[in-house]
């Protein structure tokens, strides 16, 4: 089930991950963007990273594209439709 709200996770006192659900909100963050989709095609990810001079790092994340579960559900639905269509065609 996809998340429908933003979230934050503090991994260590100086490392924070922030998940941004809506692409429009992610795009408003004025930092360079890195696309990790080629490295992780099963769950493409965009990140923007801010580093404070004191050592704190904040990584903003936005996932895009369907999840593995969503792709599996789409494939199962397509297969079921194909089977139904094949059953209805007279031989």
PDB file of N, CA and C in Angstrom:
ATOM      1  N   UNK A   1       0.845  -1.180   0.000  1.00  0.00           N
ATOM      2  CA  UNK A   1       0.000   0.000   0.000  1.00  0.00           C
ATOM      3  C   UNK A   1       0.887   1.239   0.000  1.00  0.00           C
ATOM      4  N   UNK A   2       0.693   2.153  -0.925  1.00  0.00           N
ATOM      5  CA  UNK A   2       1.538   3.337  -0.976  1.00  0.00           C
ATOM      6  C   UNK A   2       1.250   4.279   0.191  1.00  0.00           C
ATOM      7  N   UNK A   3       2.299   4.975   0.578  1.00  0.00           N
ATOM      8  CA  UNK A   3       2.136   5.984   1.628  1.00  0.00           C
ATOM      9  C   UNK A   3       1.420   7.188   1.051  1.00  0.00           C
ATOM     10  N   UNK A   4       0.605   7.839   1.861  1.00  0.00           N
ATOM     11  CA  UNK A   4      -0.073   9.031   1.373  1.00  0.00           C
ATOM     12  C   UNK A   4       0.276  10.263   2.196  1.00  0.00           C
ATOM     13  N   UNK A   5       1.330  10.175   3.013  1.00  0.00           N
ATOM     14  CA  UNK A   5       1.778  11.337   3.761  1.00  0.00           C
ATOM     15  C   UNK A   5       3.296  11.313   3.868  1.00  0.00           C
ATOM     16  N   UNK A   6       3.876  12.490   4.047  1.00  0.00           N
ATOM     17  CA  UNK A   6       5.318  12.607   4.194  1.00  0.00           C
ATOM     18  C   UNK A   6       5.746  11.994   5.526  1.00  0.00           C
ATOM     19  N   UNK A   7       7.022  11.667   5.650  1.00  0.00           N
ATOM     20  CA  UNK A   7       7.520  11.039   6.869  1.00  0.00           C
ATOM     21  C   UNK A   7       8.979  11.440   7.070  1.00  0.00           C
ATOM     22  N   UNK A   8       9.486  11.237   8.266  1.00  0.00           N
ATOM     23  CA  UNK A   8      10.903  11.478   8.561  1.00  0.00           C
ATOM     24  C   UNK A   8      11.405  10.367   9.462  1.00  0.00           C
ATOM     25  N   UNK A   9      12.676  10.014   9.288  1.00  0.00           N
ATOM     26  CA  UNK A   9      13.294   8.982  10.097  1.00  0.00           C
ATOM     27  C   UNK A   9      14.692   9.451  10.484  1.00  0.00           C
ATOM     28  N   UNK A  10      14.977   9.485  11.782  1.00  0.00           N
ATOM     29  CA  UNK A  10      16.290   9.901  12.264  1.00  0.00           C
ATOM     30  C   UNK A  10      17.116   8.640  12.480  1.00  0.00           C
ATOM     31  N   UNK A  11      18.097   8.436  11.608  1.00  0.00           N
ATOM     32  CA  UNK A  11      18.912   7.233  11.676  1.00  0.00           C
ATOM     33  C   UNK A  11      19.988   7.350  12.758  1.00  0.00           C
ATOM     34  N   UNK A  12      20.604   8.498  12.841  1.00  0.00           N
ATOM     35  CA  UNK A  12      21.595   8.811  13.871  1.00  0.00           C
ATOM     36  C   UNK A  12      21.393  10.282  14.201  1.00  0.00           C
ATOM     37  N   UNK A  13      22.031  10.788  15.242  1.00  0.00           N
ATOM     38  CA  UNK A  13      21.842  12.206  15.565  1.00  0.00           C
ATOM     39  C   UNK A  13      22.227  13.169  14.429  1.00  0.00           C
ATOM     40  N   UNK A  14      23.042  12.685  13.488  1.00  0.00           N
ATOM     41  CA  UNK A  14      23.455  13.581  12.411  1.00  0.00           C
ATOM     42  C   UNK A  14      23.030  13.099  11.015  1.00  0.00           C
ATOM     43  N   UNK A  15      22.042  12.186  10.945  1.00  0.00           N
ATOM     44  CA  UNK A  15      21.579  11.695   9.646  1.00  0.00           C
ATOM     45  C   UNK A  15      20.064  11.521   9.673  1.00  0.00           C
ATOM     46  N   UNK A  16      19.357  12.251   8.799  1.00  0.00           N
ATOM     47  CA  UNK A  16      17.894  12.239   8.767  1.00  0.00           C
ATOM     48  C   UNK A  16      17.414  11.957   7.344  1.00  0.00           C
ATOM     49  N   UNK A  17      16.467  11.043   7.221  1.00  0.00           N
ATOM     50  CA  UNK A  17      15.805  10.783   5.941  1.00  0.00           C
ATOM     51  C   UNK A  17      14.408  11.390   6.007  1.00  0.00           C
ATOM     52  N   UNK A  18      13.999  12.048   4.916  1.00  0.00           N
ATOM     53  CA  UNK A  18      12.661  12.625   4.833  1.00  0.00           C
ATOM     54  C   UNK A  18      12.024  12.131   3.543  1.00  0.00           C
ATOM     55  N   UNK A  19      10.910  11.434   3.664  1.00  0.00           N
ATOM     56  CA  UNK A  19      10.189  10.957   2.497  1.00  0.00           C
ATOM     57  C   UNK A  19       9.147  11.973   2.073  1.00  0.00           C
ATOM     58  N   UNK A  20       9.175  12.359   0.810  1.00  0.00           N
ATOM     59  CA  UNK A  20       8.222  13.325   0.264  1.00  0.00           C
ATOM     60  C   UNK A  20       7.327  12.563  -0.719  1.00  0.00           C
ATOM     61  N   UNK A  21       6.054  12.488  -0.442  1.00  0.00           N
ATOM     62  CA  UNK A  21       5.129  11.693  -1.243  1.00  0.00           C
ATOM     63  C   UNK A  21       4.844  12.343  -2.600  1.00  0.00           C
ATOM     64  N   UNK A  22       4.520  13.620  -2.613  1.00  0.00           N
ATOM     65  CA  UNK A  22       4.112  14.282  -3.852  1.00  0.00           C
ATOM     66  C   UNK A  22       5.330  14.841  -4.586  1.00  0.00           C
ATOM     67  N   UNK A  23       5.407  14.525  -5.862  1.00  0.00           N
ATOM     68  CA  UNK A  23       6.540  14.989  -6.683  1.00  0.00           C
ATOM     69  C   UNK A  23       6.613  16.514  -6.708  1.00  0.00           C
ATOM     70  N   UNK A  24       5.469  17.178  -6.737  1.00  0.00           N
ATOM     71  CA  UNK A  24       5.459  18.640  -6.771  1.00  0.00           C
ATOM     72  C   UNK A  24       6.157  19.224  -5.534  1.00  0.00           C
ATOM     73  N   UNK A  25       5.911  18.630  -4.371  1.00  0.00           N
ATOM     74  CA  UNK A  25       6.554  19.093  -3.144  1.00  0.00           C
ATOM     75  C   UNK A  25       8.055  18.819  -3.187  1.00  0.00           C
ATOM     76  N   UNK A  26       8.429  17.648  -3.670  1.00  0.00           N
ATOM     77  CA  UNK A  26       9.848  17.296  -3.788  1.00  0.00           C
ATOM     78  C   UNK A  26      10.556  18.278  -4.715  1.00  0.00           C
ATOM     79  N   UNK A  27       9.917  18.630  -5.821  1.00  0.00           N
ATOM     80  CA  UNK A  27      10.518  19.543  -6.794  1.00  0.00           C
ATOM     81  C   UNK A  27      10.728  20.950  -6.240  1.00  0.00           C
ATOM     82  N   UNK A  28       9.961  21.348  -5.230  1.00  0.00           N
ATOM     83  CA  UNK A  28      10.115  22.686  -4.648  1.00  0.00           C
ATOM     84  C   UNK A  28      11.358  22.809  -3.758  1.00  0.00           C
ATOM     85  N   UNK A  29      11.979  21.696  -3.394  1.00  0.00           N
ATOM     86  CA  UNK A  29      13.191  21.735  -2.574  1.00  0.00           C
ATOM     87  C   UNK A  29      14.342  22.185  -3.470  1.00  0.00           C
ATOM     88  N   UNK A  30      14.948  23.307  -3.130  1.00  0.00           N
ATOM     89  CA  UNK A  30      15.966  23.927  -3.982  1.00  0.00           C
ATOM     90  C   UNK A  30      17.347  23.303  -3.771  1.00  0.00           C
ATOM     91  N   UNK A  31      17.463  22.029  -4.150  1.00  0.00           N
ATOM     92  CA  UNK A  31      18.731  21.302  -4.066  1.00  0.00           C
ATOM     93  C   UNK A  31      18.896  20.476  -5.337  1.00  0.00           C
ATOM     94  N   UNK A  32      20.128  20.117  -5.694  1.00  0.00           N
ATOM     95  CA  UNK A  32      20.324  19.243  -6.858  1.00  0.00           C
ATOM     96  C   UNK A  32      19.695  17.880  -6.628  1.00  0.00           C
ATOM     97  N   UNK A  33      19.192  17.297  -7.690  1.00  0.00           N
ATOM     98  CA  UNK A  33      18.483  16.017  -7.626  1.00  0.00           C
ATOM     99  C   UNK A  33      19.358  14.892  -8.181  1.00  0.00           C
ATOM    100  N   UNK A  34      19.295  13.737  -7.543  1.00  0.00           N
ATOM    101  CA  UNK A  34      19.969  12.533  -8.040  1.00  0.00           C
ATOM    102  C   UNK A  34      18.909  11.468  -8.280  1.00  0.00           C
ATOM    103  N   UNK A  35      18.948  10.870  -9.479  1.00  0.00           N
ATOM    104  CA  UNK A  35      18.002   9.813  -9.829  1.00  0.00           C
ATOM    105  C   UNK A  35      18.699   8.469  -9.663  1.00  0.00           C
ATOM    106  N   UNK A  36      18.181   7.645  -8.770  1.00  0.00           N
ATOM    107  CA  UNK A  36      18.746   6.326  -8.486  1.00  0.00           C
ATOM    108  C   UNK A  36      17.986   5.218  -9.214  1.00  0.00           C
ATOM    109  N   UNK A  37      17.156   5.579 -10.171  1.00  0.00           N
ATOM    110  CA  UNK A  37      16.321   4.614 -10.869  1.00  0.00           C
ATOM    111  C   UNK A  37      17.092   3.550 -11.622  1.00  0.00           C
ATOM    112  N   UNK A  38      18.208   3.912 -12.238  1.00  0.00           N
ATOM    113  CA  UNK A  38      18.987   2.926 -12.989  1.00  0.00           C
ATOM    114  C   UNK A  38      19.606   1.888 -12.059  1.00  0.00           C
ATOM    115  N   UNK A  39      20.003   2.319 -10.872  1.00  0.00           N
ATOM    116  CA  UNK A  39      20.623   1.410  -9.903  1.00  0.00           C
ATOM    117  C   UNK A  39      19.584   0.544  -9.199  1.00  0.00           C
ATOM    118  N   UNK A  40      18.343   1.008  -9.149  1.00  0.00           N
ATOM    119  CA  UNK A  40      17.293   0.283  -8.443  1.00  0.00           C
ATOM    120  C   UNK A  40      16.008   0.314  -9.270  1.00  0.00           C
ATOM    121  N   UNK A  41      15.985  -0.424 -10.401  1.00  0.00           N
ATOM    122  CA  UNK A  41      14.804  -0.343 -11.273  1.00  0.00           C
ATOM    123  C   UNK A  41      13.533  -0.906 -10.655  1.00  0.00           C
ATOM    124  N   UNK A  42      13.658  -1.732  -9.607  1.00  0.00           N
ATOM    125  CA  UNK A  42      12.464  -2.264  -8.963  1.00  0.00           C
ATOM    126  C   UNK A  42      11.721  -1.214  -8.150  1.00  0.00           C
ATOM    127  N   UNK A  43      12.417  -0.204  -7.699  1.00  0.00           N
ATOM    128  CA  UNK A  43      11.774   0.884  -6.945  1.00  0.00           C
ATOM    129  C   UNK A  43      12.552   2.166  -7.164  1.00  0.00           C
ATOM    130  N   UNK A  44      12.321   2.847  -8.305  1.00  0.00           N
ATOM    131  CA  UNK A  44      13.072   4.061  -8.635  1.00  0.00           C
ATOM    132  C   UNK A  44      12.947   5.135  -7.547  1.00  0.00           C
ATOM    133  N   UNK A  45      14.052   5.811  -7.298  1.00  0.00           N
ATOM    134  CA  UNK A  45      14.140   6.772  -6.202  1.00  0.00           C
ATOM    135  C   UNK A  45      14.865   8.022  -6.649  1.00  0.00           C
ATOM    136  N   UNK A  46      14.325   9.184  -6.262  1.00  0.00           N
ATOM    137  CA  UNK A  46      15.001  10.467  -6.434  1.00  0.00           C
ATOM    138  C   UNK A  46      15.429  10.951  -5.058  1.00  0.00           C
ATOM    139  N   UNK A  47      16.612  11.556  -4.969  1.00  0.00           N
ATOM    140  CA  UNK A  47      17.052  12.123  -3.696  1.00  0.00           C
ATOM    141  C   UNK A  47      17.601  13.535  -3.894  1.00  0.00           C
ATOM    142  N   UNK A  48      17.518  14.304  -2.822  1.00  0.00           N
ATOM    143  CA  UNK A  48      18.163  15.608  -2.713  1.00  0.00           C
ATOM    144  C   UNK A  48      18.780  15.640  -1.320  1.00  0.00           C
ATOM    145  N   UNK A  49      20.055  16.022  -1.242  1.00  0.00           N
ATOM    146  CA  UNK A  49      20.765  15.947   0.027  1.00  0.00           C
ATOM    147  C   UNK A  49      21.255  17.319   0.464  1.00  0.00           C
ATOM    148  N   UNK A  50      21.031  17.620   1.738  1.00  0.00           N
ATOM    149  CA  UNK A  50      21.529  18.864   2.343  1.00  0.00           C
ATOM    150  C   UNK A  50      22.487  18.486   3.468  1.00  0.00           C
ATOM    151  N   UNK A  51      23.664  19.117   3.466  1.00  0.00           N
ATOM    152  CA  UNK A  51      24.645  18.869   4.521  1.00  0.00           C
ATOM    153  C   UNK A  51      24.937  20.167   5.249  1.00  0.00           C
ATOM    154  N   UNK A  52      24.765  20.114   6.544  1.00  0.00           N
ATOM    155  CA  UNK A  52      25.024  21.270   7.403  1.00  0.00           C
ATOM    156  C   UNK A  52      26.519  21.289   7.758  1.00  0.00           C
ATOM    157  N   UNK A  53      27.130  22.466   7.877  1.00  0.00           N
ATOM    158  CA  UNK A  53      28.549  22.524   8.254  1.00  0.00           C
ATOM    159  C   UNK A  53      28.856  21.837   9.593  1.00  0.00           C
ATOM    160  N   UNK A  54      27.856  21.719  10.455  1.00  0.00           N
ATOM    161  CA  UNK A  54      28.078  21.067  11.746  1.00  0.00           C
ATOM    162  C   UNK A  54      28.098  19.543  11.628  1.00  0.00           C
ATOM    163  N   UNK A  55      27.767  19.008  10.431  1.00  0.00           N
ATOM    164  CA  UNK A  55      27.833  17.570  10.217  1.00  0.00           C
ATOM    165  C   UNK A  55      26.496  16.881  10.045  1.00  0.00           C
ATOM    166  N   UNK A  56      25.388  17.587  10.184  1.00  0.00           N
ATOM    167  CA  UNK A  56      24.070  16.974  10.003  1.00  0.00           C
ATOM    168  C   UNK A  56      23.761  16.834   8.508  1.00  0.00           C
ATOM    169  N   UNK A  57      23.257  15.685   8.121  1.00  0.00           N
ATOM    170  CA  UNK A  57      22.880  15.425   6.733  1.00  0.00           C
ATOM    171  C   UNK A  57      21.398  15.078   6.682  1.00  0.00           C
ATOM    172  N   UNK A  58      20.684  15.731   5.775  1.00  0.00           N
ATOM    173  CA  UNK A  58      19.266  15.438   5.563  1.00  0.00           C
ATOM    174  C   UNK A  58      19.108  14.965   4.118  1.00  0.00           C
ATOM    175  N   UNK A  59      18.522  13.782   3.962  1.00  0.00           N
ATOM    176  CA  UNK A  59      18.300  13.218   2.631  1.00  0.00           C
ATOM    177  C   UNK A  59      16.798  13.220   2.358  1.00  0.00           C
ATOM    178  N   UNK A  60      16.383  14.015   1.384  1.00  0.00           N
ATOM    179  CA  UNK A  60      14.982  14.055   0.961  1.00  0.00           C
ATOM    180  C   UNK A  60      14.811  12.992  -0.116  1.00  0.00           C
ATOM    181  N   UNK A  61      13.761  12.167   0.003  1.00  0.00           N
ATOM    182  CA  UNK A  61      13.544  11.063  -0.921  1.00  0.00           C
ATOM    183  C   UNK A  61      12.144  11.120  -1.521  1.00  0.00           C
ATOM    184  N   UNK A  62      12.082  10.744  -2.803  1.00  0.00           N
ATOM    185  CA  UNK A  62      10.783  10.616  -3.472  1.00  0.00           C
ATOM    186  C   UNK A  62      10.858   9.382  -4.362  1.00  0.00           C
ATOM    187  N   UNK A  63       9.987   8.390  -4.098  1.00  0.00           N
ATOM    188  CA  UNK A  63       9.915   7.194  -4.925  1.00  0.00           C
ATOM    189  C   UNK A  63       8.922   7.439  -6.040  1.00  0.00           C
ATOM    190  N   UNK A  64       9.220   6.913  -7.206  1.00  0.00           N
ATOM    191  CA  UNK A  64       8.301   7.055  -8.336  1.00  0.00           C
ATOM    192  C   UNK A  64       8.168   5.716  -9.047  1.00  0.00           C
ATOM    193  N   UNK A  65       7.121   5.601  -9.826  1.00  0.00           N
ATOM    194  CA  UNK A  65       6.867   4.350 -10.533  1.00  0.00           C
ATOM    195  C   UNK A  65       6.169   3.351  -9.638  1.00  0.00           C
ATOM    196  N   UNK A  66       5.655   2.295 -10.249  1.00  0.00           N
ATOM    197  CA  UNK A  66       4.927   1.295  -9.464  1.00  0.00           C
ATOM    198  C   UNK A  66       5.860   0.449  -8.601  1.00  0.00           C
ATOM    199  N   UNK A  67       5.352   0.002  -7.461  1.00  0.00           N
ATOM    200  CA  UNK A  67       6.108  -0.902  -6.599  1.00  0.00           C
ATOM    201  C   UNK A  67       6.077  -2.305  -7.196  1.00  0.00           C
ATOM    202  N   UNK A  68       6.873  -3.198  -6.646  1.00  0.00           N
ATOM    203  CA  UNK A  68       6.851  -4.593  -7.101  1.00  0.00           C
ATOM    204  C   UNK A  68       5.457  -5.188  -6.948  1.00  0.00           C
ATOM    205  N   UNK A  69       4.809  -4.913  -5.821  1.00  0.00           N
ATOM    206  CA  UNK A  69       3.458  -5.437  -5.590  1.00  0.00           C
ATOM    207  C   UNK A  69       2.467  -4.870  -6.602  1.00  0.00           C
ATOM    208  N   UNK A  70       2.589  -3.592  -6.911  1.00  0.00           N
ATOM    209  CA  UNK A  70       1.692  -2.981  -7.896  1.00  0.00           C
ATOM    210  C   UNK A  70       1.913  -3.586  -9.281  1.00  0.00           C
ATOM    211  N   UNK A  71       3.175  -3.815  -9.646  1.00  0.00           N
ATOM    212  CA  UNK A  71       3.466  -4.435 -10.943  1.00  0.00           C
ATOM    213  C   UNK A  71       2.943  -5.869 -10.998  1.00  0.00           C
ATOM    214  N   UNK A  72       3.097  -6.608  -9.895  1.00  0.00           N
ATOM    215  CA  UNK A  72       2.596  -7.988  -9.852  1.00  0.00           C
ATOM    216  C   UNK A  72       1.076  -8.001  -9.993  1.00  0.00           C
ATOM    217  N   UNK A  73       0.404  -7.063  -9.331  1.00  0.00           N
ATOM    218  CA  UNK A  73      -1.055  -6.986  -9.428  1.00  0.00           C
ATOM    219  C   UNK A  73      -1.481  -6.632 -10.850  1.00  0.00           C
ATOM    220  N   UNK A  74      -0.767  -5.721 -11.491  1.00  0.00           N
ATOM    221  CA  UNK A  74      -1.086  -5.353 -12.868  1.00  0.00           C
ATOM    222  C   UNK A  74      -0.891  -6.541 -13.808  1.00  0.00           C
ATOM    223  N   UNK A  75       0.192  -7.290 -13.615  1.00  0.00           N
ATOM    224  CA  UNK A  75       0.461  -8.462 -14.457  1.00  0.00           C
ATOM    225  C   UNK A  75      -0.600  -9.537 -14.247  1.00  0.00           C
ATOM    226  N   UNK A  76      -1.006  -9.759 -12.995  1.00  0.00           N
ATOM    227  CA  UNK A  76      -2.038 -10.753 -12.702  1.00  0.00           C
ATOM    228  C   UNK A  76      -3.371 -10.348 -13.330  1.00  0.00           C
ATOM    229  N   UNK A  77      -3.695  -9.072 -13.265  1.00  0.00           N
ATOM    230  CA  UNK A  77      -4.947  -8.596 -13.861  1.00  0.00           C
ATOM    231  C   UNK A  77      -4.917  -8.767 -15.376  1.00  0.00           C
ATOM    232  N   UNK A  78      -3.790  -8.443 -15.990  1.00  0.00           N
ATOM    233  CA  UNK A  78      -3.674  -8.593 -17.439  1.00  0.00           C
ATOM    234  C   UNK A  78      -3.791 -10.060 -17.835  1.00  0.00           C
ATOM    235  N   UNK A  79      -3.169 -10.944 -17.060  1.00  0.00           N
ATOM    236  CA  UNK A  79      -3.249 -12.380 -17.343  1.00  0.00           C
ATOM    237  C   UNK A  79      -4.688 -12.883 -17.200  1.00  0.00           C
ATOM    238  N   UNK A  80      -5.377 -12.434 -16.174  1.00  0.00           N
ATOM    239  CA  UNK A  80      -6.765 -12.855 -15.959  1.00  0.00           C
ATOM    240  C   UNK A  80      -7.649 -12.388 -17.115  1.00  0.00           C
ATOM    241  N   UNK A  81      -7.437 -11.163 -17.582  1.00  0.00           N
ATOM    242  CA  UNK A  81      -8.223 -10.659 -18.713  1.00  0.00           C
ATOM    243  C   UNK A  81      -7.943 -11.468 -19.974  1.00  0.00           C
ATOM    244  N   UNK A  82      -6.703 -11.849 -20.182  1.00  0.00           N
ATOM    245  CA  UNK A  82      -6.338 -12.662 -21.347  1.00  0.00           C
ATOM    246  C   UNK A  82      -7.024 -14.023 -21.283  1.00  0.00           C
ATOM    247  N   UNK A  83      -7.015 -14.632 -20.087  1.00  0.00           N
ATOM    248  CA  UNK A  83      -7.678 -15.933 -19.927  1.00  0.00           C
ATOM    249  C   UNK A  83      -9.185 -15.821 -20.175  1.00  0.00           C
ATOM    250  N   UNK A  84      -9.798 -14.774 -19.619  1.00  0.00           N
ATOM    251  CA  UNK A  84     -11.231 -14.582 -19.825  1.00  0.00           C
ATOM    252  C   UNK A  84     -11.564 -14.388 -21.312  1.00  0.00           C
ATOM    253  N   UNK A  85     -10.754 -13.619 -21.990  1.00  0.00           N
ATOM    254  CA  UNK A  85     -10.991 -13.369 -23.427  1.00  0.00           C
ATOM    255  C   UNK A  85     -10.836 -14.668 -24.212  1.00  0.00           C
ATOM    256  N   UNK A  86      -9.856 -15.490 -23.846  1.00  0.00           N
ATOM    257  CA  UNK A  86      -9.629 -16.758 -24.543  1.00  0.00           C
ATOM    258  C   UNK A  86     -10.794 -17.724 -24.322  1.00  0.00           C
ATOM    259  N   UNK A  87     -11.383 -17.710 -23.140  1.00  0.00           N
ATOM    260  CA  UNK A  87     -12.505 -18.600 -22.829  1.00  0.00           C
ATOM    261  C   UNK A  87     -13.759 -18.216 -23.605  1.00  0.00           C
ATOM    262  N   UNK A  88     -13.896 -16.960 -23.941  1.00  0.00           N
ATOM    263  CA  UNK A  88     -15.103 -16.482 -24.626  1.00  0.00           C
ATOM    264  C   UNK A  88     -15.052 -16.659 -26.138  1.00  0.00           C
ATOM    265  N   UNK A  89     -13.875 -16.891 -26.676  1.00  0.00           N
ATOM    266  CA  UNK A  89     -13.751 -17.045 -28.130  1.00  0.00           C
ATOM    267  C   UNK A  89     -14.154 -18.465 -28.514  1.00  0.00           C
ATOM    268  N   UNK A  90     -15.154 -18.600 -29.391  1.00  0.00           N
ATOM    269  CA  UNK A  90     -15.564 -19.953 -29.816  1.00  0.00           C
ATOM    270  C   UNK A  90     -14.476 -20.593 -30.670  1.00  0.00           C
ATOM    271  N   UNK A  91     -14.276 -21.892 -30.457  1.00  0.00           N
ATOM    272  CA  UNK A  91     -13.227 -22.617 -31.200  1.00  0.00           C
ATOM    273  C   UNK A  91     -13.697 -23.059 -32.538  1.00  0.00           C
TER     274      UNK A  91
END
